[in-house]
Amino acid sequence: MALRTDSTGGVNGNERLTAMTGALLLVLLAIEGVTLLRLHSMLTLHFFVGMLLIGPVLLKIGSTGYRFVRYYTGSAPYLRKGPPALPLRLLGPMVMVTSIGVIGTGAALALVRPGPSPWLLAHKLFFVAWFCVMSVHVSWYVPQLPRLLGASSPHLAQARQALAGAGQRWLLLAGALAIGLVVAVATAHLAGSWTDFHTHTALRGRLTLRAVRVS
């Protein structure tokens, strides 16, 4: 008797959703990386994209967490698929913790008084740790994205199953992006105090330097 096709795409659909979300995160993180080159002048964009990341990051945590739970609760399709490579399984929790840490401390900075603070130090430390673990994570998965995003399975049944939940996956991805966009728009004004702080700090620095040169 033929097995009923999972309308959500099953384990292959979960893998494709994770890959789609990862591809979106790569684009957003690339933009965020560009803002670091001129952070003081691009601080508002940096903050906006950081908040926009919340939705896609939560979706990726959800999709990978779902695979984790299904595998370790003995779901047959996930057992057949097998777990990720051991180094990636060990790295996964660190990717999750540092991602939440970077975004969480960044959001906290929007709510505190501009200037040196434990939140700023924590944000920088989380970023350094996140950059290290993500460099390994991305270098492993980026070469696999074309395969993960495609429906090129040699087995027709697997290809059909992977495509089965395409509508739901796009809806989830759009929903995650919409949530991030709502949060980013609603909190964009909070970056203003930090922008003003850096502007005034830079102005005071130029005035001090000018005074030293005159004297």
N, C-alpha and C. Protein backbone atom coordinates (compact mmCIF):
# COMPACT_ATOMS: atom_id res chain seq x y z
N MET A 1 0.85 -1.19 0.00
CA MET A 1 0.00 0.00 0.00
C MET A 1 0.88 1.24 0.00
N ALA A 2 0.57 2.22 -0.83
CA ALA A 2 1.38 3.43 -0.92
C ALA A 2 1.21 4.27 0.33
N LEU A 3 2.31 4.89 0.77
CA LEU A 3 2.26 5.76 1.93
C LEU A 3 1.62 7.08 1.55
N ARG A 4 0.84 7.61 2.51
CA ARG A 4 0.20 8.90 2.25
C ARG A 4 1.25 10.01 2.27
N THR A 5 1.20 10.87 1.28
CA THR A 5 2.14 11.98 1.21
C THR A 5 1.80 13.03 2.25
N ASP A 6 2.80 13.46 3.00
CA ASP A 6 2.61 14.51 4.00
C ASP A 6 2.40 15.84 3.29
N SER A 7 1.25 16.47 3.54
CA SER A 7 0.92 17.71 2.83
C SER A 7 1.83 18.87 3.22
N THR A 8 2.58 18.73 4.32
CA THR A 8 3.49 19.80 4.73
C THR A 8 4.89 19.61 4.16
N GLY A 9 5.14 18.49 3.50
CA GLY A 9 6.47 18.23 2.96
C GLY A 9 7.30 17.33 3.85
N GLY A 10 6.85 17.06 5.07
CA GLY A 10 7.56 16.15 5.94
C GLY A 10 8.97 16.60 6.25
N VAL A 11 9.86 15.62 6.41
CA VAL A 11 11.23 15.92 6.80
C VAL A 11 11.95 16.72 5.71
N ASN A 12 11.67 16.41 4.43
CA ASN A 12 12.29 17.18 3.35
C ASN A 12 11.76 18.62 3.31
N GLY A 13 10.48 18.76 3.61
CA GLY A 13 9.91 20.11 3.67
C GLY A 13 10.50 20.92 4.80
N ASN A 14 10.74 20.29 5.93
CA ASN A 14 11.37 20.97 7.06
C ASN A 14 12.78 21.42 6.69
N GLU A 15 13.49 20.55 5.97
CA GLU A 15 14.85 20.90 5.54
C GLU A 15 14.83 22.09 4.58
N ARG A 16 13.84 22.11 3.69
CA ARG A 16 13.73 23.22 2.73
C ARG A 16 13.34 24.51 3.43
N LEU A 17 12.45 24.43 4.43
CA LEU A 17 12.07 25.63 5.18
C LEU A 17 13.28 26.20 5.91
N THR A 18 14.07 25.33 6.52
CA THR A 18 15.28 25.79 7.21
C THR A 18 16.24 26.45 6.23
N ALA A 19 16.38 25.86 5.03
CA ALA A 19 17.28 26.43 4.02
C ALA A 19 16.76 27.77 3.51
N MET A 20 15.45 27.87 3.27
CA MET A 20 14.86 29.13 2.81
C MET A 20 15.07 30.23 3.83
N THR A 21 14.84 29.89 5.10
CA THR A 21 15.02 30.88 6.16
C THR A 21 16.49 31.27 6.28
N GLY A 22 17.38 30.28 6.14
CA GLY A 22 18.80 30.57 6.20
C GLY A 22 19.24 31.49 5.07
N ALA A 23 18.69 31.28 3.86
CA ALA A 23 19.04 32.14 2.73
C ALA A 23 18.59 33.58 2.98
N LEU A 24 17.37 33.74 3.54
CA LEU A 24 16.88 35.08 3.87
C LEU A 24 17.77 35.73 4.92
N LEU A 25 18.17 34.95 5.92
CA LEU A 25 19.03 35.49 6.97
C LEU A 25 20.39 35.91 6.42
N LEU A 26 20.90 35.17 5.45
CA LEU A 26 22.18 35.56 4.84
C LEU A 26 22.10 36.94 4.21
N VAL A 27 20.99 37.21 3.52
CA VAL A 27 20.81 38.53 2.89
C VAL A 27 20.73 39.62 3.95
N LEU A 28 19.91 39.40 4.98
CA LEU A 28 19.74 40.41 6.02
C LEU A 28 21.03 40.62 6.80
N LEU A 29 21.74 39.54 7.07
CA LEU A 29 23.00 39.66 7.81
C LEU A 29 24.07 40.34 6.98
N ALA A 30 24.03 40.16 5.66
CA ALA A 30 24.97 40.88 4.80
C ALA A 30 24.73 42.38 4.88
N ILE A 31 23.46 42.78 4.88
CA ILE A 31 23.13 44.20 5.03
C ILE A 31 23.59 44.71 6.38
N GLU A 32 23.33 43.91 7.42
CA GLU A 32 23.75 44.30 8.77
C GLU A 32 25.27 44.43 8.84
N GLY A 33 25.98 43.55 8.14
CA GLY A 33 27.43 43.63 8.12
C GLY A 33 27.94 44.90 7.45
N VAL A 34 27.26 45.33 6.39
CA VAL A 34 27.65 46.57 5.71
C VAL A 34 27.51 47.76 6.65
N THR A 35 26.48 47.76 7.49
CA THR A 35 26.28 48.90 8.41
C THR A 35 27.42 49.00 9.42
N LEU A 36 28.08 47.87 9.71
CA LEU A 36 29.18 47.90 10.67
C LEU A 36 30.38 48.67 10.14
N LEU A 37 30.48 48.79 8.82
CA LEU A 37 31.62 49.50 8.23
C LEU A 37 31.58 50.99 8.56
N ARG A 38 30.37 51.54 8.70
CA ARG A 38 30.20 52.95 9.08
C ARG A 38 29.04 53.02 10.08
N LEU A 39 29.28 52.44 11.24
CA LEU A 39 28.21 52.24 12.21
C LEU A 39 27.60 53.55 12.68
N HIS A 40 28.43 54.55 12.93
CA HIS A 40 27.90 55.80 13.48
C HIS A 40 26.94 56.47 12.51
N SER A 41 27.25 56.45 11.23
CA SER A 41 26.38 57.10 10.25
C SER A 41 25.25 56.20 9.78
N MET A 42 25.36 54.89 10.06
CA MET A 42 24.33 53.95 9.62
C MET A 42 23.68 53.24 10.81
N LEU A 43 23.70 53.90 11.96
CA LEU A 43 23.21 53.27 13.18
C LEU A 43 21.71 52.98 13.11
N THR A 44 20.95 53.88 12.53
CA THR A 44 19.50 53.67 12.42
C THR A 44 19.19 52.44 11.58
N LEU A 45 19.88 52.30 10.45
CA LEU A 45 19.69 51.12 9.59
C LEU A 45 20.14 49.85 10.31
N HIS A 46 21.26 49.95 11.03
CA HIS A 46 21.77 48.82 11.80
C HIS A 46 20.73 48.33 12.80
N PHE A 47 20.15 49.26 13.50
CA PHE A 47 19.14 48.92 14.50
C PHE A 47 17.88 48.35 13.83
N PHE A 48 17.47 48.96 12.72
CA PHE A 48 16.26 48.51 12.02
C PHE A 48 16.40 47.07 11.52
N VAL A 49 17.53 46.78 10.88
CA VAL A 49 17.75 45.43 10.35
C VAL A 49 17.89 44.44 11.50
N GLY A 50 18.52 44.87 12.59
CA GLY A 50 18.64 43.99 13.75
C GLY A 50 17.29 43.56 14.28
N MET A 51 16.35 44.50 14.34
CA MET A 51 15.00 44.17 14.79
C MET A 51 14.26 43.33 13.73
N LEU A 52 14.51 43.61 12.48
CA LEU A 52 13.89 42.86 11.39
C LEU A 52 14.29 41.39 11.43
N LEU A 53 15.48 41.13 11.93
CA LEU A 53 16.00 39.76 12.01
C LEU A 53 15.23 38.89 13.00
N ILE A 54 14.52 39.51 13.93
CA ILE A 54 13.87 38.75 15.01
C ILE A 54 12.95 37.66 14.46
N GLY A 55 12.08 38.03 13.51
CA GLY A 55 11.14 37.07 12.96
C GLY A 55 11.82 35.89 12.27
N PRO A 56 12.70 36.13 11.29
CA PRO A 56 13.39 35.01 10.63
C PRO A 56 14.25 34.17 11.57
N VAL A 57 14.90 34.80 12.54
CA VAL A 57 15.72 34.03 13.48
C VAL A 57 14.84 33.08 14.30
N LEU A 58 13.69 33.58 14.76
CA LEU A 58 12.77 32.72 15.51
C LEU A 58 12.25 31.57 14.65
N LEU A 59 11.99 31.86 13.38
CA LEU A 59 11.51 30.81 12.49
C LEU A 59 12.58 29.73 12.29
N LYS A 60 13.81 30.15 12.12
CA LYS A 60 14.90 29.16 11.93
C LYS A 60 15.11 28.34 13.19
N ILE A 61 15.04 28.98 14.34
CA ILE A 61 15.14 28.24 15.59
C ILE A 61 13.99 27.24 15.69
N GLY A 62 12.80 27.69 15.27
CA GLY A 62 11.64 26.80 15.31
C GLY A 62 11.77 25.61 14.39
N SER A 63 12.24 25.83 13.17
CA SER A 63 12.35 24.72 12.20
C SER A 63 13.43 23.73 12.60
N THR A 64 14.57 24.24 13.09
CA THR A 64 15.63 23.33 13.53
C THR A 64 15.25 22.63 14.83
N GLY A 65 14.57 23.37 15.71
CA GLY A 65 14.11 22.76 16.96
C GLY A 65 13.09 21.67 16.71
N TYR A 66 12.22 21.89 15.70
CA TYR A 66 11.22 20.89 15.36
C TYR A 66 11.89 19.60 14.88
N ARG A 67 12.92 19.74 14.03
CA ARG A 67 13.66 18.56 13.57
C ARG A 67 14.31 17.84 14.74
N PHE A 68 14.87 18.61 15.66
CA PHE A 68 15.53 18.04 16.83
C PHE A 68 14.55 17.20 17.65
N VAL A 69 13.37 17.80 17.91
CA VAL A 69 12.37 17.10 18.73
C VAL A 69 11.88 15.85 18.02
N ARG A 70 11.58 15.95 16.72
CA ARG A 70 11.06 14.80 15.99
C ARG A 70 12.08 13.66 15.93
N TYR A 71 13.35 14.03 15.77
CA TYR A 71 14.39 12.99 15.70
C TYR A 71 14.53 12.28 17.04
N TYR A 72 14.64 13.05 18.12
CA TYR A 72 14.90 12.44 19.41
C TYR A 72 13.64 11.88 20.08
N THR A 73 12.48 12.08 19.49
CA THR A 73 11.28 11.40 19.96
C THR A 73 10.96 10.19 19.09
N GLY A 74 11.85 9.87 18.15
CA GLY A 74 11.75 8.62 17.42
C GLY A 74 10.87 8.63 16.20
N SER A 75 10.64 9.80 15.58
CA SER A 75 9.85 9.86 14.36
C SER A 75 10.61 9.14 13.24
N ALA A 76 9.95 8.16 12.62
CA ALA A 76 10.63 7.31 11.63
C ALA A 76 11.25 8.09 10.47
N PRO A 77 10.52 9.03 9.82
CA PRO A 77 11.14 9.75 8.69
C PRO A 77 12.37 10.55 9.11
N TYR A 78 12.34 11.12 10.31
CA TYR A 78 13.49 11.91 10.79
C TYR A 78 14.64 11.00 11.19
N LEU A 79 14.33 9.81 11.69
CA LEU A 79 15.39 8.84 12.00
C LEU A 79 16.07 8.37 10.72
N ARG A 80 15.26 8.15 9.66
CA ARG A 80 15.84 7.73 8.38
C ARG A 80 16.70 8.84 7.79
N LYS A 81 16.26 10.08 7.96
CA LYS A 81 17.03 11.22 7.46
C LYS A 81 18.36 11.33 8.19
N GLY A 82 18.32 11.04 9.47
CA GLY A 82 19.53 11.09 10.28
C GLY A 82 19.80 12.50 10.80
N PRO A 83 20.66 12.60 11.80
CA PRO A 83 20.98 13.90 12.38
C PRO A 83 22.03 14.63 11.54
N PRO A 84 22.21 15.92 11.79
CA PRO A 84 23.31 16.64 11.13
C PRO A 84 24.65 16.06 11.59
N ALA A 85 25.70 16.45 10.91
CA ALA A 85 27.04 16.00 11.30
C ALA A 85 27.32 16.39 12.75
N LEU A 86 28.10 15.57 13.45
CA LEU A 86 28.36 15.79 14.87
C LEU A 86 28.87 17.20 15.19
N PRO A 87 29.84 17.74 14.43
CA PRO A 87 30.30 19.11 14.74
C PRO A 87 29.16 20.13 14.67
N LEU A 88 28.25 19.95 13.72
CA LEU A 88 27.14 20.90 13.60
C LEU A 88 26.14 20.72 14.73
N ARG A 89 25.95 19.48 15.20
CA ARG A 89 25.07 19.26 16.35
C ARG A 89 25.64 19.92 17.59
N LEU A 90 26.97 19.88 17.75
CA LEU A 90 27.60 20.52 18.89
C LEU A 90 27.57 22.04 18.76
N LEU A 91 27.66 22.52 17.52
CA LEU A 91 27.68 23.95 17.28
C LEU A 91 26.28 24.57 17.35
N GLY A 92 25.24 23.76 17.06
CA GLY A 92 23.88 24.28 16.99
C GLY A 92 23.44 25.07 18.20
N PRO A 93 23.57 24.53 19.43
CA PRO A 93 23.15 25.30 20.61
C PRO A 93 23.89 26.62 20.75
N MET A 94 25.17 26.65 20.36
CA MET A 94 25.93 27.90 20.46
C MET A 94 25.44 28.92 19.44
N VAL A 95 25.08 28.45 18.25
CA VAL A 95 24.50 29.35 17.25
C VAL A 95 23.21 29.96 17.78
N MET A 96 22.38 29.12 18.40
CA MET A 96 21.10 29.59 18.93
C MET A 96 21.30 30.60 20.06
N VAL A 97 22.15 30.25 21.02
CA VAL A 97 22.37 31.11 22.18
C VAL A 97 22.98 32.45 21.78
N THR A 98 24.00 32.40 20.93
CA THR A 98 24.65 33.66 20.54
C THR A 98 23.76 34.52 19.66
N SER A 99 22.93 33.90 18.83
CA SER A 99 21.99 34.67 18.00
C SER A 99 20.98 35.40 18.88
N ILE A 100 20.41 34.67 19.84
CA ILE A 100 19.47 35.30 20.77
C ILE A 100 20.18 36.36 21.59
N GLY A 101 21.42 36.08 21.98
CA GLY A 101 22.18 37.04 22.79
C GLY A 101 22.45 38.34 22.05
N VAL A 102 22.87 38.24 20.79
CA VAL A 102 23.17 39.44 20.01
C VAL A 102 21.91 40.29 19.80
N ILE A 103 20.83 39.65 19.40
CA ILE A 103 19.60 40.39 19.14
C ILE A 103 18.99 40.90 20.44
N GLY A 104 19.02 40.07 21.49
CA GLY A 104 18.43 40.48 22.77
C GLY A 104 19.15 41.66 23.40
N THR A 105 20.49 41.62 23.41
CA THR A 105 21.24 42.74 23.98
C THR A 105 21.11 43.98 23.10
N GLY A 106 21.00 43.78 21.79
CA GLY A 106 20.78 44.93 20.90
C GLY A 106 19.46 45.61 21.18
N ALA A 107 18.41 44.79 21.39
CA ALA A 107 17.11 45.36 21.72
C ALA A 107 17.15 46.07 23.07
N ALA A 108 17.90 45.49 24.03
CA ALA A 108 18.01 46.10 25.35
C ALA A 108 18.70 47.46 25.27
N LEU A 109 19.69 47.57 24.38
CA LEU A 109 20.41 48.85 24.24
C LEU A 109 19.49 49.97 23.79
N ALA A 110 18.44 49.61 23.04
CA ALA A 110 17.51 50.64 22.58
C ALA A 110 16.70 51.21 23.73
N LEU A 111 16.63 50.47 24.83
CA LEU A 111 15.79 50.88 25.95
C LEU A 111 16.56 51.55 27.08
N VAL A 112 17.91 51.51 26.99
CA VAL A 112 18.72 52.08 28.06
C VAL A 112 19.32 53.40 27.61
N ARG A 113 19.87 54.11 28.56
CA ARG A 113 20.49 55.40 28.25
C ARG A 113 21.74 55.19 27.40
N PRO A 114 21.90 55.98 26.34
CA PRO A 114 23.09 55.81 25.47
C PRO A 114 24.38 56.02 26.25
N GLY A 115 25.39 55.29 25.86
CA GLY A 115 26.69 55.40 26.51
C GLY A 115 27.20 54.05 26.96
N PRO A 116 28.40 54.00 27.51
CA PRO A 116 28.95 52.73 28.00
C PRO A 116 28.04 52.10 29.05
N SER A 117 27.85 50.80 28.94
CA SER A 117 26.98 50.09 29.88
C SER A 117 27.28 48.60 29.79
N PRO A 118 26.84 47.83 30.79
CA PRO A 118 27.01 46.36 30.71
C PRO A 118 26.31 45.77 29.48
N TRP A 119 25.18 46.37 29.07
CA TRP A 119 24.47 45.87 27.90
C TRP A 119 25.31 46.03 26.64
N LEU A 120 26.01 47.16 26.53
CA LEU A 120 26.86 47.41 25.36
C LEU A 120 28.01 46.42 25.32
N LEU A 121 28.63 46.17 26.49
CA LEU A 121 29.72 45.20 26.56
C LEU A 121 29.21 43.80 26.21
N ALA A 122 28.04 43.44 26.75
CA ALA A 122 27.47 42.12 26.45
C ALA A 122 27.15 41.98 24.97
N HIS A 123 26.66 43.06 24.35
CA HIS A 123 26.34 43.03 22.93
C HIS A 123 27.59 42.77 22.10
N LYS A 124 28.68 43.42 22.46
CA LYS A 124 29.93 43.23 21.74
C LYS A 124 30.48 41.82 21.93
N LEU A 125 30.42 41.32 23.15
CA LEU A 125 30.94 39.98 23.42
C LEU A 125 30.10 38.91 22.72
N PHE A 126 28.78 39.08 22.76
CA PHE A 126 27.92 38.13 22.06
C PHE A 126 28.19 38.18 20.55
N PHE A 127 28.44 39.37 20.04
CA PHE A 127 28.71 39.48 18.60
C PHE A 127 29.98 38.74 18.22
N VAL A 128 31.02 38.88 19.01
CA VAL A 128 32.28 38.19 18.71
C VAL A 128 32.08 36.68 18.73
N ALA A 129 31.38 36.19 19.77
CA ALA A 129 31.12 34.75 19.86
C ALA A 129 30.22 34.28 18.72
N TRP A 130 29.19 35.08 18.41
CA TRP A 130 28.27 34.74 17.32
C TRP A 130 29.01 34.69 15.99
N PHE A 131 29.89 35.65 15.74
CA PHE A 131 30.61 35.70 14.47
C PHE A 131 31.48 34.45 14.30
N CYS A 132 32.09 34.00 15.39
CA CYS A 132 32.96 32.83 15.30
C CYS A 132 32.16 31.58 14.95
N VAL A 133 31.07 31.34 15.69
CA VAL A 133 30.30 30.11 15.45
C VAL A 133 29.55 30.17 14.12
N MET A 134 29.09 31.37 13.74
CA MET A 134 28.35 31.49 12.49
C MET A 134 29.26 31.34 11.28
N SER A 135 30.52 31.71 11.43
CA SER A 135 31.46 31.54 10.32
C SER A 135 31.58 30.06 9.95
N VAL A 136 31.64 29.20 10.97
CA VAL A 136 31.70 27.77 10.72
C VAL A 136 30.37 27.26 10.17
N HIS A 137 29.28 27.68 10.78
CA HIS A 137 27.94 27.25 10.38
C HIS A 137 27.66 27.61 8.92
N VAL A 138 27.95 28.86 8.55
CA VAL A 138 27.68 29.33 7.19
C VAL A 138 28.59 28.66 6.18
N SER A 139 29.86 28.49 6.52
CA SER A 139 30.80 27.87 5.58
C SER A 139 30.40 26.43 5.27
N TRP A 140 29.71 25.77 6.20
CA TRP A 140 29.26 24.40 5.96
C TRP A 140 28.02 24.37 5.08
N TYR A 141 27.06 25.27 5.37
CA TYR A 141 25.76 25.16 4.72
C TYR A 141 25.62 25.93 3.41
N VAL A 142 26.37 27.01 3.22
CA VAL A 142 26.19 27.79 2.00
C VAL A 142 26.42 26.96 0.74
N PRO A 143 27.46 26.12 0.66
CA PRO A 143 27.62 25.31 -0.56
C PRO A 143 26.46 24.35 -0.80
N GLN A 144 25.70 24.04 0.26
CA GLN A 144 24.60 23.09 0.11
C GLN A 144 23.27 23.76 -0.20
N LEU A 145 23.23 25.10 -0.14
CA LEU A 145 21.96 25.80 -0.35
C LEU A 145 21.29 25.49 -1.69
N PRO A 146 22.04 25.46 -2.81
CA PRO A 146 21.35 25.13 -4.08
C PRO A 146 20.63 23.80 -4.03
N ARG A 147 21.26 22.80 -3.42
CA ARG A 147 20.61 21.49 -3.30
C ARG A 147 19.42 21.54 -2.36
N LEU A 148 19.59 22.22 -1.22
CA LEU A 148 18.53 22.26 -0.21
C LEU A 148 17.33 23.06 -0.67
N LEU A 149 17.58 24.08 -1.49
CA LEU A 149 16.49 24.92 -1.98
C LEU A 149 15.82 24.34 -3.21
N GLY A 150 16.50 23.42 -3.90
CA GLY A 150 15.95 22.83 -5.11
C GLY A 150 15.12 21.61 -4.80
N ALA A 151 14.49 21.11 -5.84
CA ALA A 151 13.70 19.88 -5.71
C ALA A 151 14.28 18.83 -6.63
N SER A 152 15.60 18.63 -6.48
CA SER A 152 16.32 17.78 -7.42
C SER A 152 16.56 16.37 -6.88
N SER A 153 15.66 15.91 -6.02
CA SER A 153 15.82 14.57 -5.48
C SER A 153 15.74 13.55 -6.60
N PRO A 154 16.61 12.53 -6.59
CA PRO A 154 16.54 11.49 -7.63
C PRO A 154 15.29 10.63 -7.49
N HIS A 155 14.65 10.69 -6.33
CA HIS A 155 13.46 9.90 -6.09
C HIS A 155 12.22 10.78 -6.26
N LEU A 156 11.37 10.42 -7.20
CA LEU A 156 10.21 11.24 -7.52
C LEU A 156 9.31 11.45 -6.31
N ALA A 157 9.13 10.41 -5.51
CA ALA A 157 8.26 10.52 -4.34
C ALA A 157 8.79 11.55 -3.35
N GLN A 158 10.12 11.56 -3.15
CA GLN A 158 10.72 12.54 -2.24
C GLN A 158 10.59 13.95 -2.79
N ALA A 159 10.76 14.11 -4.09
CA ALA A 159 10.63 15.43 -4.69
C ALA A 159 9.20 15.96 -4.54
N ARG A 160 8.23 15.08 -4.78
CA ARG A 160 6.84 15.50 -4.64
C ARG A 160 6.53 15.89 -3.20
N GLN A 161 7.07 15.12 -2.26
CA GLN A 161 6.81 15.41 -0.87
C GLN A 161 7.44 16.74 -0.47
N ALA A 162 8.65 17.00 -0.95
CA ALA A 162 9.31 18.26 -0.61
C ALA A 162 8.55 19.46 -1.15
N LEU A 163 7.93 19.28 -2.32
CA LEU A 163 7.17 20.37 -2.92
C LEU A 163 5.77 20.51 -2.33
N ALA A 164 5.33 19.48 -1.62
CA ALA A 164 3.94 19.45 -1.15
C ALA A 164 3.60 20.63 -0.26
N GLY A 165 4.51 21.03 0.62
CA GLY A 165 4.20 22.09 1.56
C GLY A 165 4.75 23.45 1.16
N ALA A 166 4.98 23.65 -0.15
CA ALA A 166 5.61 24.90 -0.59
C ALA A 166 4.81 26.12 -0.16
N GLY A 167 3.48 26.05 -0.29
CA GLY A 167 2.64 27.18 0.08
C GLY A 167 2.77 27.52 1.55
N GLN A 168 2.74 26.48 2.40
CA GLN A 168 2.87 26.72 3.83
C GLN A 168 4.24 27.31 4.19
N ARG A 169 5.27 26.83 3.51
CA ARG A 169 6.61 27.33 3.81
C ARG A 169 6.76 28.80 3.44
N TRP A 170 6.26 29.17 2.26
CA TRP A 170 6.33 30.57 1.87
C TRP A 170 5.51 31.45 2.80
N LEU A 171 4.38 30.90 3.26
CA LEU A 171 3.54 31.66 4.20
C LEU A 171 4.26 31.86 5.53
N LEU A 172 4.92 30.81 6.01
CA LEU A 172 5.68 30.92 7.25
C LEU A 172 6.82 31.93 7.10
N LEU A 173 7.51 31.87 5.97
CA LEU A 173 8.64 32.79 5.75
C LEU A 173 8.14 34.23 5.66
N ALA A 174 7.06 34.45 4.93
CA ALA A 174 6.50 35.80 4.82
C ALA A 174 6.00 36.28 6.17
N GLY A 175 5.38 35.38 6.94
CA GLY A 175 4.90 35.75 8.26
C GLY A 175 6.02 36.15 9.19
N ALA A 176 7.12 35.39 9.15
CA ALA A 176 8.28 35.71 10.00
C ALA A 176 8.87 37.05 9.62
N LEU A 177 8.96 37.31 8.32
CA LEU A 177 9.49 38.59 7.86
C LEU A 177 8.55 39.72 8.25
N ALA A 178 7.24 39.48 8.17
CA ALA A 178 6.26 40.51 8.54
C ALA A 178 6.35 40.83 10.03
N ILE A 179 6.52 39.80 10.86
CA ILE A 179 6.66 40.03 12.30
C ILE A 179 7.90 40.89 12.57
N GLY A 180 9.02 40.53 11.93
CA GLY A 180 10.23 41.32 12.10
C GLY A 180 10.05 42.75 11.63
N LEU A 181 9.33 42.93 10.53
CA LEU A 181 9.12 44.27 9.99
C LEU A 181 8.27 45.10 10.92
N VAL A 182 7.24 44.50 11.49
CA VAL A 182 6.39 45.22 12.44
C VAL A 182 7.20 45.67 13.66
N VAL A 183 8.01 44.76 14.19
CA VAL A 183 8.85 45.10 15.34
C VAL A 183 9.84 46.20 14.97
N ALA A 184 10.46 46.09 13.78
CA ALA A 184 11.45 47.07 13.36
C ALA A 184 10.84 48.46 13.19
N VAL A 185 9.67 48.52 12.57
CA VAL A 185 9.00 49.81 12.36
C VAL A 185 8.56 50.41 13.69
N ALA A 186 8.02 49.54 14.57
CA ALA A 186 7.50 50.02 15.85
C ALA A 186 8.61 50.54 16.78
N THR A 187 9.83 50.04 16.60
CA THR A 187 10.92 50.42 17.50
C THR A 187 11.98 51.30 16.85
N ALA A 188 11.77 51.66 15.58
CA ALA A 188 12.79 52.43 14.85
C ALA A 188 13.14 53.73 15.55
N HIS A 189 12.16 54.35 16.19
CA HIS A 189 12.41 55.65 16.83
C HIS A 189 13.37 55.53 18.02
N LEU A 190 13.51 54.33 18.57
CA LEU A 190 14.37 54.15 19.74
C LEU A 190 15.85 54.32 19.40
N ALA A 191 16.18 54.19 18.14
CA ALA A 191 17.59 54.36 17.74
C ALA A 191 18.00 55.82 17.77
N GLY A 192 17.03 56.72 17.81
CA GLY A 192 17.33 58.15 17.74
C GLY A 192 18.23 58.64 18.86
N SER A 193 18.01 58.14 20.08
CA SER A 193 18.82 58.61 21.21
C SER A 193 20.29 58.22 21.04
N TRP A 194 20.53 57.01 20.48
CA TRP A 194 21.91 56.59 20.24
C TRP A 194 22.54 57.37 19.09
N THR A 195 21.75 57.67 18.07
CA THR A 195 22.26 58.48 16.96
C THR A 195 22.65 59.87 17.46
N ASP A 196 21.79 60.47 18.28
CA ASP A 196 22.09 61.80 18.84
C ASP A 196 23.33 61.73 19.73
N PHE A 197 23.44 60.67 20.50
CA PHE A 197 24.59 60.52 21.41
C PHE A 197 25.89 60.48 20.62
N HIS A 198 25.93 59.67 19.55
CA HIS A 198 27.15 59.56 18.75
C HIS A 198 27.45 60.86 18.01
N THR A 199 26.40 61.55 17.56
CA THR A 199 26.60 62.84 16.88
C THR A 199 27.20 63.86 17.83
N HIS A 200 26.66 63.96 19.03
CA HIS A 200 27.17 64.92 20.01
C HIS A 200 28.57 64.55 20.48
N THR A 201 28.82 63.22 20.62
CA THR A 201 30.14 62.78 21.04
C THR A 201 31.18 63.13 19.99
N ALA A 202 30.83 62.88 18.72
CA ALA A 202 31.76 63.20 17.63
C ALA A 202 32.00 64.71 17.56
N LEU A 203 30.95 65.50 17.78
CA LEU A 203 31.09 66.96 17.73
C LEU A 203 31.98 67.44 18.86
N ARG A 204 31.78 66.92 20.06
CA ARG A 204 32.62 67.31 21.19
C ARG A 204 34.07 66.92 20.93
N GLY A 205 34.27 65.75 20.31
CA GLY A 205 35.63 65.31 20.00
C GLY A 205 36.32 66.25 19.02
N ARG A 206 35.58 66.70 17.99
CA ARG A 206 36.18 67.63 17.02
C ARG A 206 36.49 68.97 17.66
N LEU A 207 35.59 69.45 18.53
CA LEU A 207 35.81 70.74 19.20
C LEU A 207 37.01 70.65 20.14
N THR A 208 37.14 69.53 20.83
CA THR A 208 38.28 69.36 21.74
C THR A 208 39.58 69.32 20.96
N LEU A 209 39.59 68.60 19.85
CA LEU A 209 40.78 68.51 19.01
C LEU A 209 41.15 69.88 18.46
N ARG A 210 40.13 70.64 18.05
CA ARG A 210 40.40 71.99 17.53
C ARG A 210 40.98 72.88 18.61
N ALA A 211 40.46 72.75 19.83
CA ALA A 211 40.96 73.57 20.94
C ALA A 211 42.41 73.23 21.26
N VAL A 212 42.72 71.94 21.22
CA VAL A 212 44.11 71.52 21.48
C VAL A 212 45.05 72.06 20.43
N ARG A 213 44.61 72.07 19.16
CA ARG A 213 45.46 72.57 18.08
C ARG A 213 45.68 74.07 18.23
N VAL A 214 44.65 74.79 18.62
CA VAL A 214 44.76 76.25 18.78
C VAL A 214 45.70 76.60 19.92
N SER A 215 45.59 75.82 21.01
CA SER A 215 46.43 76.10 22.18
C SER A 215 47.89 75.68 21.92
